[in-house]
Amino acid sequence: MNTAQNKYLRTAGILTAIASLMHIGIVIGGPDWYRFFGAGEMMAMQAEAGMIEPIITTLFIAFILGIWSLYAFSGAGMIFKMPITAIALTVIGSIFLLRGLLGIPLILTFNHPYLNELQEKMIFMVISSLICLLLGYLYLKGAYCKKKSINE
């Protein structure tokens, strides 16, 4: 197995697992954490009111990110083989790239209360967009290297 491929997918898996754990931390941290991490004032207010929706939404995101990290680890050969790994890695990488490329233009283009709120958090948007671009690159480069090593 190509060690460069392992490095890309291993790093993608670790970073995505950290993001998953951070979302769990947001639920534990409560309303101030929802605000800090860009979930929006509405979700923070719902958390303050003890509503279940922010918890379900945030844990669902954590779950998806956890599955994505498993796909990265699977592609790197670190764990069991997941179904349709090559396709999944490409889709995951593409989603991260799209979020990284379109996140800021989206909030600047459309008029929506949540998107307007994010306009005031441009540092958060820039940092999260750069992280998503990095993750997209790691997943796609890892998927490419995996495919290349299979075809050789």
N, C-alpha and C. Protein backbone atom coordinates (compact mmCIF):
# COMPACT_ATOMS: atom_id res chain seq x y z
N MET A 1 0.84 -1.18 0.00
CA MET A 1 0.00 0.00 0.00
C MET A 1 0.88 1.23 0.00
N ASN A 2 0.50 2.23 -0.74
CA ASN A 2 1.24 3.47 -0.89
C ASN A 2 1.25 4.24 0.42
N THR A 3 2.46 4.56 0.94
CA THR A 3 2.53 5.27 2.21
C THR A 3 2.03 6.69 2.10
N ALA A 4 2.18 7.34 0.94
CA ALA A 4 1.64 8.69 0.77
C ALA A 4 0.12 8.66 0.89
N GLN A 5 -0.49 7.66 0.29
CA GLN A 5 -1.95 7.52 0.39
C GLN A 5 -2.35 7.34 1.84
N ASN A 6 -1.64 6.49 2.55
CA ASN A 6 -1.93 6.30 3.96
C ASN A 6 -1.85 7.62 4.71
N LYS A 7 -0.86 8.41 4.40
CA LYS A 7 -0.69 9.69 5.09
C LYS A 7 -1.87 10.61 4.84
N TYR A 8 -2.34 10.72 3.60
CA TYR A 8 -3.47 11.60 3.28
C TYR A 8 -4.74 11.14 3.99
N LEU A 9 -5.06 9.86 3.85
CA LEU A 9 -6.31 9.37 4.42
C LEU A 9 -6.24 9.25 5.94
N ARG A 10 -5.08 8.90 6.46
CA ARG A 10 -4.92 8.85 7.92
C ARG A 10 -5.12 10.25 8.51
N THR A 11 -4.52 11.25 7.89
CA THR A 11 -4.68 12.63 8.37
C THR A 11 -6.13 13.09 8.24
N ALA A 12 -6.76 12.77 7.11
CA ALA A 12 -8.17 13.13 6.92
C ALA A 12 -9.03 12.47 7.98
N GLY A 13 -8.77 11.21 8.27
CA GLY A 13 -9.53 10.50 9.28
C GLY A 13 -9.37 11.10 10.67
N ILE A 14 -8.14 11.43 11.02
CA ILE A 14 -7.89 12.03 12.34
C ILE A 14 -8.59 13.37 12.46
N LEU A 15 -8.43 14.23 11.45
CA LEU A 15 -9.05 15.56 11.51
C LEU A 15 -10.58 15.48 11.53
N THR A 16 -11.13 14.56 10.76
CA THR A 16 -12.58 14.41 10.73
C THR A 16 -13.09 13.84 12.06
N ALA A 17 -12.35 12.94 12.66
CA ALA A 17 -12.73 12.41 13.97
C ALA A 17 -12.69 13.52 15.02
N ILE A 18 -11.70 14.40 14.94
CA ILE A 18 -11.63 15.54 15.86
C ILE A 18 -12.85 16.43 15.68
N ALA A 19 -13.23 16.68 14.42
CA ALA A 19 -14.43 17.50 14.16
C ALA A 19 -15.68 16.84 14.73
N SER A 20 -15.76 15.52 14.61
CA SER A 20 -16.89 14.79 15.17
C SER A 20 -16.93 14.96 16.69
N LEU A 21 -15.80 14.78 17.33
CA LEU A 21 -15.72 14.93 18.78
C LEU A 21 -16.02 16.36 19.22
N MET A 22 -15.62 17.33 18.41
CA MET A 22 -15.92 18.73 18.73
C MET A 22 -17.43 18.97 18.73
N HIS A 23 -18.14 18.33 17.81
CA HIS A 23 -19.60 18.49 17.78
C HIS A 23 -20.24 17.88 19.04
N ILE A 24 -19.69 16.78 19.51
CA ILE A 24 -20.18 16.22 20.77
C ILE A 24 -19.87 17.19 21.91
N GLY A 25 -18.69 17.80 21.86
CA GLY A 25 -18.32 18.81 22.85
C GLY A 25 -19.25 20.02 22.85
N ILE A 26 -19.74 20.39 21.67
CA ILE A 26 -20.68 21.51 21.58
C ILE A 26 -21.96 21.19 22.34
N VAL A 27 -22.46 19.98 22.19
CA VAL A 27 -23.66 19.57 22.92
C VAL A 27 -23.40 19.66 24.43
N ILE A 28 -22.25 19.16 24.86
CA ILE A 28 -21.91 19.18 26.28
C ILE A 28 -21.68 20.61 26.76
N GLY A 29 -21.02 21.42 25.92
CA GLY A 29 -20.69 22.80 26.28
C GLY A 29 -21.88 23.73 26.37
N GLY A 30 -22.94 23.41 25.64
CA GLY A 30 -24.16 24.19 25.75
C GLY A 30 -24.23 25.41 24.86
N PRO A 31 -25.15 26.32 25.19
CA PRO A 31 -25.47 27.46 24.31
C PRO A 31 -24.27 28.32 23.91
N ASP A 32 -23.36 28.58 24.84
CA ASP A 32 -22.19 29.41 24.49
C ASP A 32 -21.32 28.72 23.44
N TRP A 33 -21.25 27.41 23.51
CA TRP A 33 -20.47 26.67 22.51
C TRP A 33 -21.17 26.69 21.16
N TYR A 34 -22.49 26.60 21.15
CA TYR A 34 -23.23 26.71 19.89
C TYR A 34 -22.93 28.06 19.25
N ARG A 35 -22.92 29.12 20.04
CA ARG A 35 -22.62 30.46 19.51
C ARG A 35 -21.19 30.53 18.99
N PHE A 36 -20.24 30.09 19.80
CA PHE A 36 -18.83 30.19 19.43
C PHE A 36 -18.52 29.44 18.13
N PHE A 37 -19.10 28.26 17.98
CA PHE A 37 -18.78 27.43 16.82
C PHE A 37 -19.70 27.68 15.63
N GLY A 38 -20.45 28.78 15.65
CA GLY A 38 -21.17 29.22 14.46
C GLY A 38 -22.50 28.55 14.19
N ALA A 39 -23.09 27.91 15.19
CA ALA A 39 -24.36 27.23 14.96
C ALA A 39 -25.52 28.22 14.82
N GLY A 40 -25.32 29.42 15.26
CA GLY A 40 -26.36 30.44 15.13
C GLY A 40 -27.09 30.70 16.43
N GLU A 41 -27.61 31.91 16.51
CA GLU A 41 -28.30 32.34 17.72
C GLU A 41 -29.57 31.52 17.97
N MET A 42 -30.27 31.15 16.90
CA MET A 42 -31.49 30.38 17.08
C MET A 42 -31.20 29.03 17.77
N MET A 43 -30.15 28.34 17.31
CA MET A 43 -29.80 27.05 17.94
C MET A 43 -29.35 27.27 19.38
N ALA A 44 -28.60 28.34 19.61
CA ALA A 44 -28.15 28.63 20.98
C ALA A 44 -29.33 28.92 21.89
N MET A 45 -30.30 29.67 21.39
CA MET A 45 -31.49 29.97 22.19
C MET A 45 -32.33 28.71 22.44
N GLN A 46 -32.40 27.85 21.44
CA GLN A 46 -33.12 26.58 21.62
C GLN A 46 -32.42 25.73 22.68
N ALA A 47 -31.08 25.73 22.66
CA ALA A 47 -30.33 24.98 23.67
C ALA A 47 -30.57 25.57 25.06
N GLU A 48 -30.61 26.90 25.16
CA GLU A 48 -30.88 27.55 26.44
C GLU A 48 -32.26 27.18 26.97
N ALA A 49 -33.21 27.02 26.04
CA ALA A 49 -34.59 26.68 26.43
C ALA A 49 -34.75 25.19 26.73
N GLY A 50 -33.68 24.43 26.57
CA GLY A 50 -33.74 23.00 26.85
C GLY A 50 -34.40 22.18 25.75
N MET A 51 -34.48 22.74 24.55
CA MET A 51 -35.10 22.03 23.43
C MET A 51 -34.16 20.94 22.93
N ILE A 52 -34.70 19.91 22.34
CA ILE A 52 -33.93 18.75 21.89
C ILE A 52 -33.36 18.94 20.48
N GLU A 53 -33.95 19.83 19.67
CA GLU A 53 -33.55 19.98 18.27
C GLU A 53 -32.06 20.27 18.08
N PRO A 54 -31.48 21.21 18.84
CA PRO A 54 -30.04 21.46 18.64
C PRO A 54 -29.18 20.23 18.96
N ILE A 55 -29.60 19.49 19.97
CA ILE A 55 -28.84 18.30 20.35
C ILE A 55 -28.91 17.26 19.24
N ILE A 56 -30.11 17.00 18.73
CA ILE A 56 -30.28 16.01 17.66
C ILE A 56 -29.49 16.43 16.42
N THR A 57 -29.61 17.69 16.02
CA THR A 57 -28.91 18.19 14.83
C THR A 57 -27.40 18.05 14.99
N THR A 58 -26.90 18.48 16.13
CA THR A 58 -25.44 18.47 16.35
C THR A 58 -24.91 17.05 16.47
N LEU A 59 -25.64 16.18 17.15
CA LEU A 59 -25.19 14.78 17.24
C LEU A 59 -25.29 14.07 15.90
N PHE A 60 -26.26 14.45 15.07
CA PHE A 60 -26.35 13.87 13.72
C PHE A 60 -25.11 14.26 12.91
N ILE A 61 -24.71 15.53 12.99
CA ILE A 61 -23.49 15.97 12.30
C ILE A 61 -22.28 15.20 12.83
N ALA A 62 -22.20 15.04 14.15
CA ALA A 62 -21.09 14.27 14.75
C ALA A 62 -21.08 12.85 14.22
N PHE A 63 -22.26 12.24 14.11
CA PHE A 63 -22.38 10.87 13.61
C PHE A 63 -21.87 10.78 12.17
N ILE A 64 -22.31 11.69 11.31
CA ILE A 64 -21.88 11.69 9.90
C ILE A 64 -20.37 11.86 9.81
N LEU A 65 -19.83 12.83 10.55
CA LEU A 65 -18.37 13.03 10.54
C LEU A 65 -17.64 11.80 11.05
N GLY A 66 -18.21 11.12 12.04
CA GLY A 66 -17.61 9.88 12.53
C GLY A 66 -17.57 8.80 11.47
N ILE A 67 -18.66 8.64 10.73
CA ILE A 67 -18.69 7.68 9.63
C ILE A 67 -17.65 8.06 8.57
N TRP A 68 -17.56 9.34 8.26
CA TRP A 68 -16.59 9.79 7.26
C TRP A 68 -15.16 9.49 7.71
N SER A 69 -14.88 9.66 9.01
CA SER A 69 -13.53 9.34 9.47
C SER A 69 -13.27 7.84 9.35
N LEU A 70 -14.28 7.02 9.59
CA LEU A 70 -14.11 5.58 9.40
C LEU A 70 -13.78 5.25 7.94
N TYR A 71 -14.42 5.94 7.00
CA TYR A 71 -14.10 5.72 5.58
C TYR A 71 -12.65 6.11 5.28
N ALA A 72 -12.19 7.19 5.86
CA ALA A 72 -10.79 7.58 5.65
C ALA A 72 -9.85 6.52 6.21
N PHE A 73 -10.11 6.06 7.43
CA PHE A 73 -9.28 5.02 8.03
C PHE A 73 -9.35 3.72 7.24
N SER A 74 -10.53 3.40 6.72
CA SER A 74 -10.68 2.20 5.90
C SER A 74 -9.87 2.32 4.61
N GLY A 75 -9.96 3.48 3.97
CA GLY A 75 -9.20 3.70 2.74
C GLY A 75 -7.71 3.66 2.96
N ALA A 76 -7.29 4.06 4.16
CA ALA A 76 -5.87 4.02 4.50
C ALA A 76 -5.41 2.62 4.90
N GLY A 77 -6.35 1.68 4.97
CA GLY A 77 -5.99 0.32 5.36
C GLY A 77 -5.77 0.15 6.85
N MET A 78 -6.28 1.09 7.65
CA MET A 78 -6.06 1.05 9.09
C MET A 78 -7.13 0.25 9.82
N ILE A 79 -8.30 0.10 9.21
CA ILE A 79 -9.39 -0.66 9.81
C ILE A 79 -10.01 -1.54 8.73
N PHE A 80 -11.10 -2.20 9.08
CA PHE A 80 -11.80 -3.09 8.15
C PHE A 80 -12.23 -2.34 6.89
N LYS A 81 -12.50 -3.10 5.84
CA LYS A 81 -12.91 -2.51 4.57
C LYS A 81 -14.39 -2.12 4.64
N MET A 82 -14.64 -0.84 4.39
CA MET A 82 -16.01 -0.32 4.37
C MET A 82 -16.58 -0.50 2.97
N PRO A 83 -17.90 -0.58 2.84
CA PRO A 83 -18.51 -0.72 1.51
C PRO A 83 -18.29 0.53 0.66
N ILE A 84 -18.13 0.33 -0.62
CA ILE A 84 -17.95 1.37 -1.64
C ILE A 84 -16.97 2.48 -1.19
N THR A 85 -15.83 2.07 -0.67
CA THR A 85 -14.88 3.02 -0.09
C THR A 85 -14.41 4.05 -1.11
N ALA A 86 -14.04 3.62 -2.29
CA ALA A 86 -13.51 4.57 -3.28
C ALA A 86 -14.53 5.65 -3.63
N ILE A 87 -15.77 5.23 -3.84
CA ILE A 87 -16.82 6.20 -4.16
C ILE A 87 -17.07 7.12 -2.98
N ALA A 88 -17.16 6.53 -1.80
CA ALA A 88 -17.43 7.32 -0.60
C ALA A 88 -16.34 8.37 -0.36
N LEU A 89 -15.08 7.99 -0.52
CA LEU A 89 -13.99 8.95 -0.32
C LEU A 89 -14.09 10.11 -1.30
N THR A 90 -14.46 9.81 -2.53
CA THR A 90 -14.59 10.86 -3.55
C THR A 90 -15.77 11.78 -3.22
N VAL A 91 -16.87 11.21 -2.81
CA VAL A 91 -18.05 12.01 -2.46
C VAL A 91 -17.75 12.88 -1.23
N ILE A 92 -17.15 12.30 -0.21
CA ILE A 92 -16.82 13.04 1.01
C ILE A 92 -15.86 14.18 0.68
N GLY A 93 -14.82 13.88 -0.08
CA GLY A 93 -13.87 14.93 -0.46
C GLY A 93 -14.54 16.04 -1.24
N SER A 94 -15.45 15.68 -2.13
CA SER A 94 -16.17 16.68 -2.93
C SER A 94 -17.07 17.55 -2.07
N ILE A 95 -17.73 16.94 -1.09
CA ILE A 95 -18.59 17.72 -0.18
C ILE A 95 -17.75 18.73 0.60
N PHE A 96 -16.62 18.28 1.14
CA PHE A 96 -15.75 19.20 1.87
C PHE A 96 -15.24 20.32 0.95
N LEU A 97 -14.83 19.97 -0.27
CA LEU A 97 -14.35 21.00 -1.19
C LEU A 97 -15.44 22.01 -1.53
N LEU A 98 -16.64 21.53 -1.80
CA LEU A 98 -17.75 22.44 -2.11
C LEU A 98 -18.04 23.36 -0.94
N ARG A 99 -18.05 22.83 0.28
CA ARG A 99 -18.27 23.69 1.45
C ARG A 99 -17.16 24.72 1.57
N GLY A 100 -15.93 24.30 1.33
CA GLY A 100 -14.80 25.21 1.43
C GLY A 100 -14.84 26.31 0.38
N LEU A 101 -15.23 25.95 -0.83
CA LEU A 101 -15.26 26.92 -1.93
C LEU A 101 -16.50 27.81 -1.92
N LEU A 102 -17.64 27.26 -1.52
CA LEU A 102 -18.91 27.98 -1.67
C LEU A 102 -19.45 28.58 -0.38
N GLY A 103 -18.88 28.24 0.76
CA GLY A 103 -19.41 28.73 2.03
C GLY A 103 -19.48 30.24 2.10
N ILE A 104 -18.38 30.92 1.83
CA ILE A 104 -18.35 32.38 1.93
C ILE A 104 -19.19 33.03 0.82
N PRO A 105 -19.05 32.63 -0.45
CA PRO A 105 -19.92 33.23 -1.47
C PRO A 105 -21.41 33.03 -1.17
N LEU A 106 -21.77 31.90 -0.59
CA LEU A 106 -23.17 31.63 -0.25
C LEU A 106 -23.71 32.63 0.76
N ILE A 107 -22.95 32.86 1.83
CA ILE A 107 -23.45 33.78 2.87
C ILE A 107 -23.47 35.22 2.37
N LEU A 108 -22.62 35.55 1.40
CA LEU A 108 -22.59 36.91 0.87
C LEU A 108 -23.65 37.14 -0.20
N THR A 109 -24.21 36.07 -0.76
CA THR A 109 -25.14 36.17 -1.88
C THR A 109 -26.60 36.13 -1.45
N PHE A 110 -26.92 35.25 -0.52
CA PHE A 110 -28.32 35.01 -0.19
C PHE A 110 -28.72 35.71 1.10
N ASN A 111 -29.97 36.15 1.14
CA ASN A 111 -30.52 36.83 2.31
C ASN A 111 -31.35 35.84 3.12
N HIS A 112 -30.78 35.40 4.21
CA HIS A 112 -31.44 34.47 5.13
C HIS A 112 -30.92 34.81 6.53
N PRO A 113 -31.77 34.78 7.55
CA PRO A 113 -31.31 35.18 8.89
C PRO A 113 -30.03 34.48 9.35
N TYR A 114 -29.93 33.16 9.14
CA TYR A 114 -28.73 32.44 9.58
C TYR A 114 -27.52 32.86 8.75
N LEU A 115 -27.70 32.97 7.43
CA LEU A 115 -26.58 33.37 6.57
C LEU A 115 -26.15 34.80 6.87
N ASN A 116 -27.11 35.67 7.18
CA ASN A 116 -26.77 37.05 7.55
C ASN A 116 -25.98 37.07 8.85
N GLU A 117 -26.34 36.19 9.77
CA GLU A 117 -25.61 36.08 11.03
C GLU A 117 -24.17 35.64 10.80
N LEU A 118 -23.99 34.71 9.85
CA LEU A 118 -22.64 34.23 9.55
C LEU A 118 -21.77 35.31 8.90
N GLN A 119 -22.40 36.26 8.22
CA GLN A 119 -21.64 37.37 7.63
C GLN A 119 -20.88 38.13 8.71
N GLU A 120 -21.43 38.17 9.90
CA GLU A 120 -20.79 38.87 11.02
C GLU A 120 -19.69 38.02 11.66
N LYS A 121 -19.56 36.78 11.24
CA LYS A 121 -18.55 35.86 11.79
C LYS A 121 -17.60 35.43 10.68
N MET A 122 -17.04 36.42 9.99
CA MET A 122 -16.22 36.12 8.82
C MET A 122 -14.94 35.38 9.19
N ILE A 123 -14.37 35.64 10.36
CA ILE A 123 -13.16 34.90 10.77
C ILE A 123 -13.50 33.42 10.89
N PHE A 124 -14.63 33.10 11.54
CA PHE A 124 -15.08 31.72 11.63
C PHE A 124 -15.27 31.12 10.24
N MET A 125 -15.89 31.87 9.34
CA MET A 125 -16.16 31.36 8.00
C MET A 125 -14.87 31.09 7.23
N VAL A 126 -13.91 31.99 7.34
CA VAL A 126 -12.64 31.80 6.63
C VAL A 126 -11.90 30.58 7.18
N ILE A 127 -11.83 30.48 8.51
CA ILE A 127 -11.11 29.35 9.12
C ILE A 127 -11.81 28.03 8.78
N SER A 128 -13.13 27.98 8.93
CA SER A 128 -13.84 26.72 8.65
C SER A 128 -13.78 26.38 7.16
N SER A 129 -13.77 27.39 6.29
CA SER A 129 -13.65 27.13 4.85
C SER A 129 -12.27 26.57 4.52
N LEU A 130 -11.24 27.11 5.13
CA LEU A 130 -9.88 26.59 4.90
C LEU A 130 -9.75 25.16 5.41
N ILE A 131 -10.34 24.87 6.55
CA ILE A 131 -10.31 23.50 7.08
C ILE A 131 -11.03 22.55 6.12
N CYS A 132 -12.18 22.98 5.61
CA CYS A 132 -12.93 22.13 4.66
C CYS A 132 -12.15 21.93 3.37
N LEU A 133 -11.46 22.97 2.89
CA LEU A 133 -10.63 22.82 1.68
C LEU A 133 -9.51 21.81 1.93
N LEU A 134 -8.88 21.90 3.08
CA LEU A 134 -7.82 20.95 3.43
C LEU A 134 -8.37 19.53 3.48
N LEU A 135 -9.50 19.35 4.16
CA LEU A 135 -10.09 18.01 4.27
C LEU A 135 -10.50 17.49 2.89
N GLY A 136 -11.09 18.34 2.06
CA GLY A 136 -11.46 17.92 0.71
C GLY A 136 -10.25 17.45 -0.07
N TYR A 137 -9.17 18.22 0.04
CA TYR A 137 -7.93 17.84 -0.65
C TYR A 137 -7.42 16.49 -0.14
N LEU A 138 -7.39 16.32 1.18
CA LEU A 138 -6.86 15.08 1.76
C LEU A 138 -7.67 13.86 1.32
N TYR A 139 -9.00 13.98 1.36
CA TYR A 139 -9.85 12.86 0.94
C TYR A 139 -9.67 12.56 -0.55
N LEU A 140 -9.68 13.59 -1.38
CA LEU A 140 -9.58 13.35 -2.83
C LEU A 140 -8.19 12.87 -3.22
N LYS A 141 -7.16 13.44 -2.63
CA LYS A 141 -5.79 12.98 -2.92
C LYS A 141 -5.62 11.54 -2.44
N GLY A 142 -6.15 11.24 -1.27
CA GLY A 142 -6.07 9.87 -0.75
C GLY A 142 -6.82 8.90 -1.63
N ALA A 143 -8.01 9.29 -2.11
CA ALA A 143 -8.79 8.43 -3.00
C ALA A 143 -8.05 8.21 -4.32
N TYR A 144 -7.44 9.27 -4.83
CA TYR A 144 -6.67 9.17 -6.09
C TYR A 144 -5.48 8.23 -5.91
N CYS A 145 -4.74 8.40 -4.82
CA CYS A 145 -3.57 7.54 -4.58
C CYS A 145 -3.99 6.09 -4.38
N LYS A 146 -5.11 5.88 -3.72
CA LYS A 146 -5.61 4.52 -3.50
C LYS A 146 -5.95 3.88 -4.84
N LYS A 147 -6.65 4.61 -5.70
CA LYS A 147 -7.01 4.09 -7.02
C LYS A 147 -5.77 3.83 -7.86
N LYS A 148 -4.81 4.76 -7.80
CA LYS A 148 -3.58 4.61 -8.58
C LYS A 148 -2.79 3.37 -8.14
N SER A 149 -2.73 3.12 -6.80
CA SER A 149 -1.97 1.97 -6.32
C SER A 149 -2.67 0.65 -6.68
N ILE A 150 -4.00 0.67 -6.77
CA ILE A 150 -4.74 -0.53 -7.16
C ILE A 150 -4.50 -0.85 -8.63
N ASN A 151 -4.42 0.21 -9.45
CA ASN A 151 -4.26 0.02 -10.90
C ASN A 151 -2.84 -0.31 -11.31
N GLU A 152 -1.88 -0.15 -10.40
CA GLU A 152 -0.48 -0.43 -10.77
C GLU A 152 -0.14 -1.89 -10.64
